[in-house]
């Protein structure tokens, strides 16, 4: 709450009036009190200066969500704080942003089928769910030593489980932290995440890239896991050309300014070129392999394709080893798995 001070000069005029009244009654020469008046004026200026400084420090400031709203292209509510005086008007004018732009995203109630295999939600006490919690912990630890906000999940070929790994990891991060997590469906050719969460007919990345809708109509908040998702939407006949458009870079800039974690479900490395487009925006890459399915020669080709400095590790899916540590291998362990007589890992 602001308290309106006496306007500059009011105190001095009151004091002058009191001086004259006292002088007329006592016969005192006013010139002898000029020093007192000057002293009072100095004190008044100092008090006004301190009040202005206090008003500037207490006025509503633009919170971080205003920057995020600007990144999304949203118009925030921006009342102007009243200025103390004309000199301070420019400094005291500020945005008091009251609109939480995350409330503009559509909310979806997640209805998971038993076949969804989102173990972090449907079977929280299972070894698989514990493995995803371990993976999330290791990512948060790795984040302490390097920039790691956008994590790309890919595989060498289809059917190795990268989309399920992406969904479970994103849900785990959202359930275990207070940070905002966005699951991005970058595989616009075969959008598995949309099917898992029941968003197959909703607008998403493709519509945004074509300029058909804004982000508030493309990003959905999933109640329950407290997760946001940007689905693929309806892919055109030329999805690669759409992804290669310059608008994808603008999209990544916008969502990077809004979310704490971005999990990108990318297409497989082989044989498509889509993954190379998504990897340029990623801070780190996790390669999903599947025991009994992933061929070692293809795994090696996939490793050679990815940028080594961004490859932070690999996830071994459908492991037959009950040891939880087998769910997550650092990159050297995966490379060493390419040796041996078997054609599969």
Protein backbone atom coordinates (compact mmCIF):
# COMPACT_ATOMS: atom_id res chain seq x y z
CA UNK A 1 0.00 0.00 0.00
CA UNK A 2 1.26 3.46 -0.94
CA UNK A 3 0.97 6.51 1.35
CA UNK A 4 0.72 9.86 -0.42
CA UNK A 5 3.27 12.30 1.08
CA UNK A 6 2.87 16.04 1.36
CA UNK A 7 3.68 17.65 -1.93
CA UNK A 8 7.06 19.22 -2.25
CA UNK A 9 7.05 22.68 -0.65
CA UNK A 10 3.95 22.17 1.50
CA UNK A 11 5.97 21.60 4.67
CA UNK A 12 8.06 24.71 4.00
CA UNK A 13 4.98 26.88 3.42
CA UNK A 14 3.38 25.63 6.63
CA UNK A 15 6.58 26.35 8.52
CA UNK A 16 6.82 29.85 6.98
CA UNK A 17 3.26 30.60 8.05
CA UNK A 18 4.00 29.45 11.58
CA UNK A 19 7.18 31.56 11.57
CA UNK A 20 5.34 34.70 10.53
CA UNK A 21 2.63 34.10 13.11
CA UNK A 22 5.18 33.61 15.86
CA UNK A 23 7.27 36.60 14.73
CA UNK A 24 4.32 38.95 14.67
CA UNK A 25 3.42 37.95 18.22
CA UNK A 26 6.93 38.12 19.63
CA UNK A 27 8.67 40.72 17.47
CA UNK A 28 11.47 38.34 16.35
CA UNK A 29 13.44 39.22 13.21
CA UNK A 30 12.61 36.63 10.52
CA UNK A 31 16.08 36.89 8.98
CA UNK A 32 17.55 35.12 11.98
CA UNK A 33 15.44 32.06 11.20
CA UNK A 34 16.47 31.71 7.53
CA UNK A 35 18.99 29.03 8.41
CA UNK A 36 16.28 26.98 10.11
CA UNK A 37 14.06 27.23 7.04
CA UNK A 38 16.88 26.08 4.78
CA UNK A 39 17.55 23.17 7.11
CA UNK A 40 13.90 22.17 7.02
CA UNK A 41 13.82 22.38 3.23
CA UNK A 42 16.86 20.09 3.02
CA UNK A 43 15.19 17.63 5.35
CA UNK A 44 12.05 17.79 3.25
CA UNK A 45 13.95 17.07 0.03
CA UNK A 46 15.73 14.15 1.66
CA UNK A 47 12.43 12.73 2.95
CA UNK A 48 10.81 12.99 -0.49
CA UNK A 49 13.86 11.35 -2.09
CA UNK A 50 13.69 8.45 0.37
CA UNK A 51 9.97 8.06 -0.22
CA UNK A 52 10.46 7.94 -3.99
CA UNK A 53 13.15 5.28 -3.58
CA UNK A 54 10.87 3.23 -1.33
CA UNK A 55 8.02 3.55 -3.80
CA UNK A 56 10.22 2.29 -6.63
CA UNK A 57 11.32 -0.74 -4.61
CA UNK A 58 7.79 -1.62 -3.51
CA UNK A 59 5.95 -1.09 -6.78
CA UNK A 60 4.77 -4.23 -8.64
CA UNK A 61 7.49 -5.55 -10.92
CA UNK A 62 7.25 -7.69 -14.04
CA UNK A 63 7.54 -11.30 -12.85
CA UNK A 64 9.20 -14.03 -14.86
CA UNK A 65 5.88 -15.26 -16.19
CA UNK A 66 5.46 -11.94 -18.03
CA UNK A 67 8.60 -12.74 -19.99
CA UNK A 68 7.20 -16.19 -20.67
CA UNK A 69 3.91 -14.68 -21.80
CA UNK A 70 5.78 -12.42 -24.19
CA UNK A 71 7.64 -15.44 -25.55
CA UNK A 72 4.33 -17.12 -26.28
CA UNK A 73 3.02 -14.01 -27.98
CA UNK A 74 0.38 -13.44 -25.33
CA UNK A 75 -0.79 -10.00 -24.25
CA UNK A 76 -0.54 -9.62 -20.51
CA UNK A 77 -2.74 -7.40 -18.39
CA UNK A 78 -0.62 -4.30 -17.78
CA UNK A 79 -2.02 -1.66 -15.46
CA UNK A 80 0.30 1.29 -14.94
CA UNK A 81 1.39 2.10 -11.41
CA UNK A 82 0.67 5.73 -10.44
CA UNK A 83 3.70 8.00 -10.48
CA UNK A 84 4.73 9.97 -7.43
CA UNK A 85 5.62 13.03 -9.48
CA UNK A 86 6.33 13.83 -13.15
CA UNK A 87 10.07 13.31 -12.73
CA UNK A 88 9.61 9.75 -11.47
CA UNK A 89 6.79 8.81 -13.82
CA UNK A 90 8.99 6.91 -16.28
CA UNK A 91 10.72 4.96 -13.53
CA UNK A 92 7.57 4.09 -11.59
CA UNK A 93 5.50 2.97 -14.59
CA UNK A 94 5.57 -0.87 -14.49
CA UNK A 95 3.66 -3.88 -15.68
CA UNK A 96 1.61 -5.50 -12.93
CA UNK A 97 1.07 -8.74 -14.81
CA UNK A 98 -1.85 -10.57 -13.21
CA UNK A 99 -2.58 -13.07 -15.96
CA UNK A 100 -1.03 -16.52 -15.64
CA UNK A 101 -0.64 -17.52 -19.26
CA UNK A 102 -0.54 -21.22 -18.33
CA UNK A 103 -4.22 -20.97 -17.50
CA UNK A 104 -4.87 -20.32 -21.20
CA UNK A 105 -3.70 -23.78 -22.21
CA UNK A 106 -6.47 -26.31 -22.63
CA UNK A 107 -6.70 -28.95 -19.91
CA UNK A 108 -7.22 -32.60 -20.75
CA UNK A 109 -8.24 -35.35 -18.39
CA UNK A 110 -5.91 -38.29 -18.97
CA UNK A 111 -7.75 -41.58 -19.42
CA UNK A 112 -5.16 -44.32 -19.66
CA UNK A 113 -5.91 -47.78 -20.93
CA UNK A 114 -4.21 -50.86 -19.42
CA UNK A 115 -2.22 -51.11 -22.67
CA UNK A 116 -0.76 -47.62 -22.28
CA UNK A 117 2.27 -48.96 -20.37
CA UNK A 118 2.76 -45.66 -18.58
CA UNK A 119 4.16 -47.48 -15.57
CA UNK A 120 5.09 -44.27 -13.77
CA UNK A 121 1.34 -43.65 -13.37
CA UNK A 122 -0.38 -47.04 -13.57
CA UNK A 123 2.22 -49.17 -11.74
CA UNK A 124 4.29 -46.84 -9.57
CA UNK A 125 5.81 -49.63 -7.45
CA UNK A 126 7.09 -51.68 -10.39
CA UNK A 127 10.81 -52.09 -11.17
CA UNK A 128 10.23 -50.27 -14.48
CA UNK A 129 8.74 -47.24 -12.71
CA UNK A 130 11.66 -47.24 -10.30
CA UNK A 131 14.03 -47.33 -13.28
CA UNK A 132 12.45 -44.19 -14.72
CA UNK A 133 12.74 -42.47 -11.34
CA UNK A 134 16.43 -43.40 -11.32
CA UNK A 135 16.83 -42.00 -14.83
CA UNK A 136 15.14 -38.75 -13.82
CA UNK A 137 17.44 -38.44 -10.79
CA UNK A 138 20.51 -38.93 -12.95
CA UNK A 139 19.34 -36.31 -15.43
CA UNK A 140 18.81 -33.82 -12.62
CA UNK A 141 22.28 -34.60 -11.29
CA UNK A 142 23.79 -34.17 -14.74
CA UNK A 143 22.03 -30.83 -15.02
CA UNK A 144 24.17 -29.48 -12.19
CA UNK A 145 27.29 -29.68 -14.32
CA UNK A 146 25.99 -28.79 -17.77
CA UNK A 147 23.15 -27.06 -19.57
CA UNK A 148 20.38 -29.62 -19.87
CA UNK A 149 16.87 -28.35 -20.53
CA UNK A 150 15.90 -29.92 -23.86
CA UNK A 151 16.41 -33.70 -23.84
CA UNK A 152 15.88 -35.56 -27.11
CA UNK A 153 14.80 -39.22 -27.00
CA UNK A 154 15.51 -41.25 -30.12
CA UNK A 155 16.34 -44.79 -31.27
CA UNK A 156 18.06 -46.43 -34.20
CA UNK A 157 14.92 -47.88 -35.84
CA UNK A 158 11.17 -47.96 -35.08
CA UNK A 159 9.63 -50.30 -32.49
CA UNK A 160 12.36 -49.89 -29.89
CA UNK A 161 10.13 -48.03 -27.42
CA UNK A 162 11.41 -44.46 -27.63
CA UNK A 163 7.93 -42.91 -27.38
CA UNK A 164 7.06 -44.90 -24.25
CA UNK A 165 10.39 -43.95 -22.72
CA UNK A 166 9.73 -40.28 -23.58
CA UNK A 167 6.24 -40.38 -22.05
CA UNK A 168 7.32 -42.18 -18.87
CA UNK A 169 10.35 -39.95 -18.37
CA UNK A 170 8.34 -36.74 -18.87
CA UNK A 171 5.62 -37.92 -16.47
CA UNK A 172 8.23 -38.92 -13.90
CA UNK A 173 9.92 -35.52 -14.05
CA UNK A 174 6.54 -33.79 -13.76
CA UNK A 175 5.42 -35.93 -10.81
CA UNK A 176 8.67 -35.66 -8.86
CA UNK A 177 9.45 -31.95 -9.30
CA UNK A 178 7.64 -28.63 -9.09
CA UNK A 179 9.05 -27.60 -12.44
CA UNK A 180 7.05 -27.27 -15.64
CA UNK A 181 7.68 -30.16 -18.03
CA UNK A 182 6.69 -30.14 -21.71
CA UNK A 183 6.50 -33.35 -23.74
CA UNK A 184 7.03 -32.52 -27.41
CA UNK A 185 5.96 -34.99 -30.09
CA UNK A 186 8.59 -34.47 -32.74
CA UNK A 187 7.80 -37.68 -34.60
CA UNK A 188 5.10 -36.16 -36.81
CA UNK A 189 5.16 -39.10 -39.25
CA UNK A 190 4.17 -41.71 -36.63
CA UNK A 191 2.73 -39.81 -33.66
CA UNK A 192 2.56 -42.46 -30.92
CA UNK A 193 2.25 -40.03 -28.00
CA UNK A 194 -1.01 -38.60 -29.33
CA UNK A 195 -2.47 -42.09 -29.28
CA UNK A 196 -1.16 -42.87 -25.79
CA UNK A 197 -2.72 -39.74 -24.27
CA UNK A 198 -5.83 -39.66 -26.46
CA UNK A 199 -4.90 -36.53 -28.43
CA UNK A 200 -4.91 -38.02 -31.92
CA UNK A 201 -7.39 -35.49 -33.38
CA UNK A 202 -6.10 -32.39 -31.63
CA UNK A 203 -4.09 -29.59 -33.21
CA UNK A 204 -0.37 -29.45 -32.49
CA UNK A 205 3.04 -28.76 -33.97
CA UNK A 206 2.02 -29.15 -37.61
CA UNK A 207 -0.81 -26.63 -37.33
CA UNK A 208 1.44 -24.14 -35.54
CA UNK A 209 4.21 -24.49 -38.13
CA UNK A 210 1.65 -23.87 -40.88
CA UNK A 211 0.37 -20.79 -39.06
CA UNK A 212 -3.11 -22.22 -38.54
CA UNK A 213 -3.21 -21.71 -34.76
CA UNK A 214 -1.27 -20.27 -31.83
CA UNK A 215 0.52 -22.10 -29.04
CA UNK A 216 -2.37 -21.71 -26.63
CA UNK A 217 -4.40 -23.89 -28.99
CA UNK A 218 -1.58 -26.38 -29.52
CA UNK A 219 -0.26 -27.07 -26.01
CA UNK A 220 -2.39 -29.06 -23.58
CA UNK A 221 -2.15 -29.51 -19.84
CA UNK A 222 -2.64 -33.12 -18.79
CA UNK A 223 -4.34 -33.30 -15.43
CA UNK A 224 -3.05 -35.97 -13.09
CA UNK A 225 0.61 -36.09 -14.09
CA UNK A 226 0.63 -32.25 -14.21
CA UNK A 227 2.34 -32.43 -17.57
CA UNK A 228 2.10 -30.24 -20.67
CA UNK A 229 2.19 -31.81 -24.11
CA UNK A 230 2.65 -30.38 -27.59
CA UNK A 231 1.35 -33.14 -29.89
CA UNK A 232 2.22 -33.63 -33.53
CA UNK A 233 -1.18 -32.64 -34.84
CA UNK A 234 -2.22 -33.52 -38.37
CA UNK A 235 0.83 -33.97 -40.55
CA UNK A 236 0.67 -32.79 -44.18
CA UNK A 237 1.93 -34.82 -47.11
CA UNK A 238 5.38 -33.21 -46.80
CA UNK A 239 6.20 -33.36 -43.05
CA UNK A 240 9.97 -33.09 -43.58
CA UNK A 241 9.63 -29.79 -45.46
CA UNK A 242 7.36 -28.50 -42.72
CA UNK A 243 9.83 -29.40 -39.97
CA UNK A 244 12.67 -27.87 -41.97
CA UNK A 245 10.89 -24.52 -42.12
CA UNK A 246 12.37 -21.59 -40.25
CA UNK A 247 9.34 -21.47 -37.95
CA UNK A 248 10.62 -24.50 -36.02
CA UNK A 249 13.48 -22.45 -34.60
CA UNK A 250 11.02 -19.77 -33.47
CA UNK A 251 8.85 -22.46 -31.88
CA UNK A 252 11.77 -23.84 -29.89
CA UNK A 253 12.73 -20.35 -28.71
CA UNK A 254 9.20 -19.76 -27.43
CA UNK A 255 8.79 -23.01 -25.51
CA UNK A 256 12.36 -22.87 -24.15
CA UNK A 257 11.49 -19.56 -22.49
CA UNK A 258 8.40 -21.08 -20.87
CA UNK A 259 9.27 -24.57 -19.60
CA UNK A 260 11.92 -25.97 -17.26
CA UNK A 261 12.20 -29.36 -18.98
CA UNK A 262 11.42 -30.19 -22.62
CA UNK A 263 11.38 -33.87 -23.55
CA UNK A 264 11.45 -34.31 -27.33
CA UNK A 265 10.17 -37.57 -28.78
CA UNK A 266 12.18 -37.63 -31.98
CA UNK A 267 11.88 -39.95 -35.00
CA UNK A 268 14.39 -42.84 -35.22
CA UNK A 269 17.90 -42.06 -36.41
CA UNK A 270 17.75 -44.60 -39.25
CA UNK A 271 16.85 -44.14 -42.04
CA UNK A 272 15.04 -40.77 -41.69
CA UNK A 273 16.60 -37.32 -41.81
CA UNK A 274 14.08 -35.81 -39.38
CA UNK A 275 16.17 -36.59 -36.31
CA UNK A 276 19.12 -34.53 -37.53
CA UNK A 277 16.81 -31.50 -37.58
CA UNK A 278 15.66 -32.03 -33.99
CA UNK A 279 19.13 -32.77 -32.61
CA UNK A 280 20.34 -29.25 -33.39
CA UNK A 281 17.86 -27.91 -30.82
CA UNK A 282 18.65 -30.49 -28.10
CA UNK A 283 20.98 -30.00 -25.14
CA UNK A 284 21.34 -33.74 -24.61
CA UNK A 285 20.38 -36.96 -26.39
CA UNK A 286 19.27 -40.30 -24.96
CA UNK A 287 19.39 -43.28 -27.33
CA UNK A 288 16.80 -46.00 -26.68
CA UNK A 289 17.74 -49.59 -27.46
CA UNK A 290 15.68 -52.74 -27.02
CA UNK A 291 17.13 -55.99 -25.81
CA UNK A 292 16.62 -58.73 -28.38
CA UNK A 293 15.54 -56.23 -31.06
CA UNK A 294 18.30 -53.69 -31.61
CA UNK A 295 20.97 -54.97 -33.97
CA UNK A 296 24.51 -54.12 -33.00
CA UNK A 297 25.53 -52.90 -36.44
CA UNK A 298 22.53 -50.57 -36.56
CA UNK A 299 23.28 -49.39 -33.06
CA UNK A 300 26.82 -48.53 -34.12
CA UNK A 301 25.50 -46.68 -37.17
CA UNK A 302 23.13 -44.77 -34.94
CA UNK A 303 25.91 -43.82 -32.55
CA UNK A 304 28.04 -42.63 -35.46
CA UNK A 305 25.15 -40.48 -36.72
CA UNK A 306 24.55 -38.63 -33.46
CA UNK A 307 26.63 -35.72 -32.23
CA UNK A 308 28.99 -37.23 -29.66
CA UNK A 309 29.12 -34.25 -27.31
CA UNK A 310 25.33 -34.23 -27.00
CA UNK A 311 24.95 -37.96 -26.43
CA UNK A 312 24.53 -38.28 -22.66
CA UNK A 313 23.65 -41.97 -22.51
CA UNK A 314 21.29 -44.72 -23.57
CA UNK A 315 18.27 -46.52 -22.18
CA UNK A 316 18.04 -50.30 -22.45
CA UNK A 317 14.37 -51.13 -22.96
CA UNK A 318 12.78 -54.51 -22.11
CA UNK A 319 15.80 -55.61 -20.14
CA UNK A 320 15.72 -59.21 -18.96
CA UNK A 321 18.10 -58.38 -16.14
CA UNK A 322 16.19 -57.66 -12.89
CA UNK A 323 18.99 -55.36 -11.74
CA UNK A 324 17.65 -51.79 -12.00
CA UNK A 325 21.01 -50.47 -13.16
CA UNK A 326 20.61 -52.31 -16.46
CA UNK A 327 17.85 -49.87 -17.46
CA UNK A 328 20.37 -47.07 -17.88
CA UNK A 329 23.78 -47.31 -19.47
CA UNK A 330 26.31 -44.59 -19.94
CA UNK A 331 27.48 -44.28 -23.53
CA UNK A 332 30.75 -46.27 -23.08
CA UNK A 333 28.77 -49.23 -21.79
CA UNK A 334 26.52 -49.16 -24.84
CA UNK A 335 29.46 -48.97 -27.20
CA UNK A 336 31.09 -51.95 -25.55
CA UNK A 337 27.83 -53.87 -26.03
CA UNK A 338 28.46 -53.82 -29.78
CA UNK A 339 31.14 -56.50 -29.36
CA UNK A 340 30.42 -60.21 -29.23
CA UNK A 341 29.02 -62.95 -31.42
CA UNK A 342 25.29 -62.11 -31.17
CA UNK A 343 23.68 -59.84 -33.79
CA UNK A 344 21.50 -58.17 -31.12
CA UNK A 345 22.23 -56.50 -27.82
